């Protein structure tokens, strides 16, 4: 089973924007935490953004604050990541993750489900 499927990645020039989508096979209200992580080339996976079940509480990595926005659409069972003012250092495979229970949102090991990732490449 693949409960989470990311889409929307691609090639974009620096300063441009992309909107990533994470479609869940079930109700996203089932998850206390839904998050985006990314893995740049040659680096370990890192936290990007998280949204709580209520949809009102969001947290971001310092590197993306003011540029990225995470949101959710419960009717579509989809979580989004709007990425603006993209930089070459944003180049990575972006993963959607979900956790049934509350926990340390910045720690990828806390999450139960992962998508297969979508590639984002930002050219200089």
Protein backbone atom coordinates (compact mmCIF):
# COMPACT_ATOMS: atom_id res chain seq x y z
CA UNK A 1 0.00 0.00 0.00
CA UNK A 2 1.07 3.55 -0.75
CA UNK A 3 -1.00 5.74 1.55
CA UNK A 4 0.66 9.01 0.51
CA UNK A 5 1.46 10.20 -3.01
CA UNK A 6 3.38 13.39 -3.72
CA UNK A 7 3.15 15.37 -6.93
CA UNK A 8 3.99 18.80 -8.29
CA UNK A 9 7.75 18.62 -8.36
CA UNK A 10 9.80 19.71 -11.30
CA UNK A 11 12.47 22.04 -12.59
CA UNK A 12 12.20 25.72 -11.77
CA UNK A 13 14.53 28.70 -11.93
CA UNK A 14 15.72 30.42 -8.79
CA UNK A 15 13.12 32.86 -7.55
CA UNK A 16 10.29 30.83 -8.98
CA UNK A 17 7.51 28.92 -7.29
CA UNK A 18 6.14 25.41 -7.09
CA UNK A 19 3.20 23.88 -5.29
CA UNK A 20 3.57 20.34 -4.06
CA UNK A 21 0.61 18.12 -3.28
CA UNK A 22 0.36 15.11 -1.01
CA UNK A 23 -2.72 13.00 -1.63
CA UNK A 24 -3.67 10.56 1.09
CA UNK A 25 -5.43 7.29 0.41
CA UNK A 26 -7.53 7.86 3.51
CA UNK A 27 -8.78 10.75 5.56
CA UNK A 28 -6.02 13.13 6.53
CA UNK A 29 -7.99 13.85 9.68
CA UNK A 30 -6.76 10.44 10.82
CA UNK A 31 -3.29 11.90 11.28
CA UNK A 32 -2.29 14.12 14.15
CA UNK A 33 0.71 15.34 12.15
CA UNK A 34 1.28 15.74 8.46
CA UNK A 35 4.60 17.06 7.34
CA UNK A 36 6.99 17.69 4.51
CA UNK A 37 10.58 16.55 4.68
CA UNK A 38 13.26 16.80 2.04
CA UNK A 39 16.51 15.11 1.18
CA UNK A 40 19.03 17.19 -0.78
CA UNK A 41 21.62 15.37 -2.89
CA UNK A 42 24.28 13.84 -0.68
CA UNK A 43 22.58 14.95 2.53
CA UNK A 44 20.31 13.40 5.10
CA UNK A 45 16.59 13.91 5.26
CA UNK A 46 15.56 17.14 6.95
CA UNK A 47 12.36 18.61 8.30
CA UNK A 48 10.65 21.28 6.21
CA UNK A 49 7.15 21.96 7.52
CA UNK A 50 4.36 20.40 9.55
CA UNK A 51 0.66 21.01 9.99
CA UNK A 52 -1.39 19.76 12.90
CA UNK A 53 -4.76 18.02 12.67
CA UNK A 54 -6.59 21.24 13.45
CA UNK A 55 -4.94 22.91 10.49
CA UNK A 56 -4.28 26.01 12.54
CA UNK A 57 -0.86 25.14 13.92
CA UNK A 58 2.05 25.07 11.53
CA UNK A 59 5.80 25.04 12.04
CA UNK A 60 8.64 25.50 9.60
CA UNK A 61 12.33 24.94 9.38
CA UNK A 62 14.22 28.20 9.68
CA UNK A 63 15.58 27.75 6.18
CA UNK A 64 12.12 28.01 4.60
CA UNK A 65 10.30 30.43 6.90
CA UNK A 66 8.69 33.24 4.97
CA UNK A 67 9.02 31.35 1.70
CA UNK A 68 7.10 28.09 2.14
CA UNK A 69 3.54 27.57 3.31
CA UNK A 70 1.97 24.27 4.32
CA UNK A 71 -1.78 23.85 4.16
CA UNK A 72 -4.39 21.12 4.11
CA UNK A 73 -7.71 20.47 2.39
CA UNK A 74 -9.63 17.90 4.37
CA UNK A 75 -12.31 17.59 1.69
CA UNK A 76 -9.65 16.54 -0.82
CA UNK A 77 -7.57 14.63 1.73
CA UNK A 78 -4.59 16.53 0.47
CA UNK A 79 -1.75 18.48 2.04
CA UNK A 80 0.06 21.16 0.08
CA UNK A 81 3.40 22.87 0.22
CA UNK A 82 3.52 26.21 -1.55
CA UNK A 83 7.14 27.08 -2.25
CA UNK A 84 8.02 30.62 -3.26
CA UNK A 85 11.30 32.41 -3.83
CA UNK A 86 12.98 29.10 -4.49
CA UNK A 87 16.73 28.84 -4.14
CA UNK A 88 19.17 26.30 -5.59
CA UNK A 89 19.70 24.97 -2.08
CA UNK A 90 16.02 23.95 -2.04
CA UNK A 91 16.85 21.26 -4.58
CA UNK A 92 15.88 17.94 -3.04
CA UNK A 93 13.48 15.06 -3.11
CA UNK A 94 10.47 16.20 -1.12
CA UNK A 95 8.57 13.66 0.94
CA UNK A 96 5.18 13.81 2.57
CA UNK A 97 4.87 12.11 5.94
CA UNK A 98 2.05 11.34 8.34
CA UNK A 99 1.82 10.31 11.96
CA UNK A 100 -1.29 9.07 13.73
CA UNK A 101 -0.29 10.49 17.09
CA UNK A 102 1.24 13.72 18.29
CA UNK A 103 4.97 13.76 18.83
CA UNK A 104 8.20 15.43 17.88
CA UNK A 105 7.19 16.88 14.54
CA UNK A 106 10.75 17.67 13.48
CA UNK A 107 11.90 14.06 13.85
CA UNK A 108 11.26 11.95 10.78
CA UNK A 109 11.50 8.78 12.83
CA UNK A 110 8.29 9.78 14.57
CA UNK A 111 6.25 9.38 11.39
CA UNK A 112 4.35 6.25 10.45
CA UNK A 113 3.80 6.73 6.71
CA UNK A 114 5.83 8.21 3.88
CA UNK A 115 5.23 8.96 0.26
CA UNK A 116 7.71 7.99 -2.43
CA UNK A 117 8.84 11.56 -2.97
CA UNK A 118 8.79 14.15 -5.72
CA UNK A 119 11.91 15.77 -7.15
CA UNK A 120 12.33 19.53 -6.96
CA UNK A 121 15.24 21.02 -8.86
CA UNK A 122 16.01 24.72 -8.68
CA UNK A 123 18.45 26.08 -11.21
CA UNK A 124 20.60 29.13 -10.60
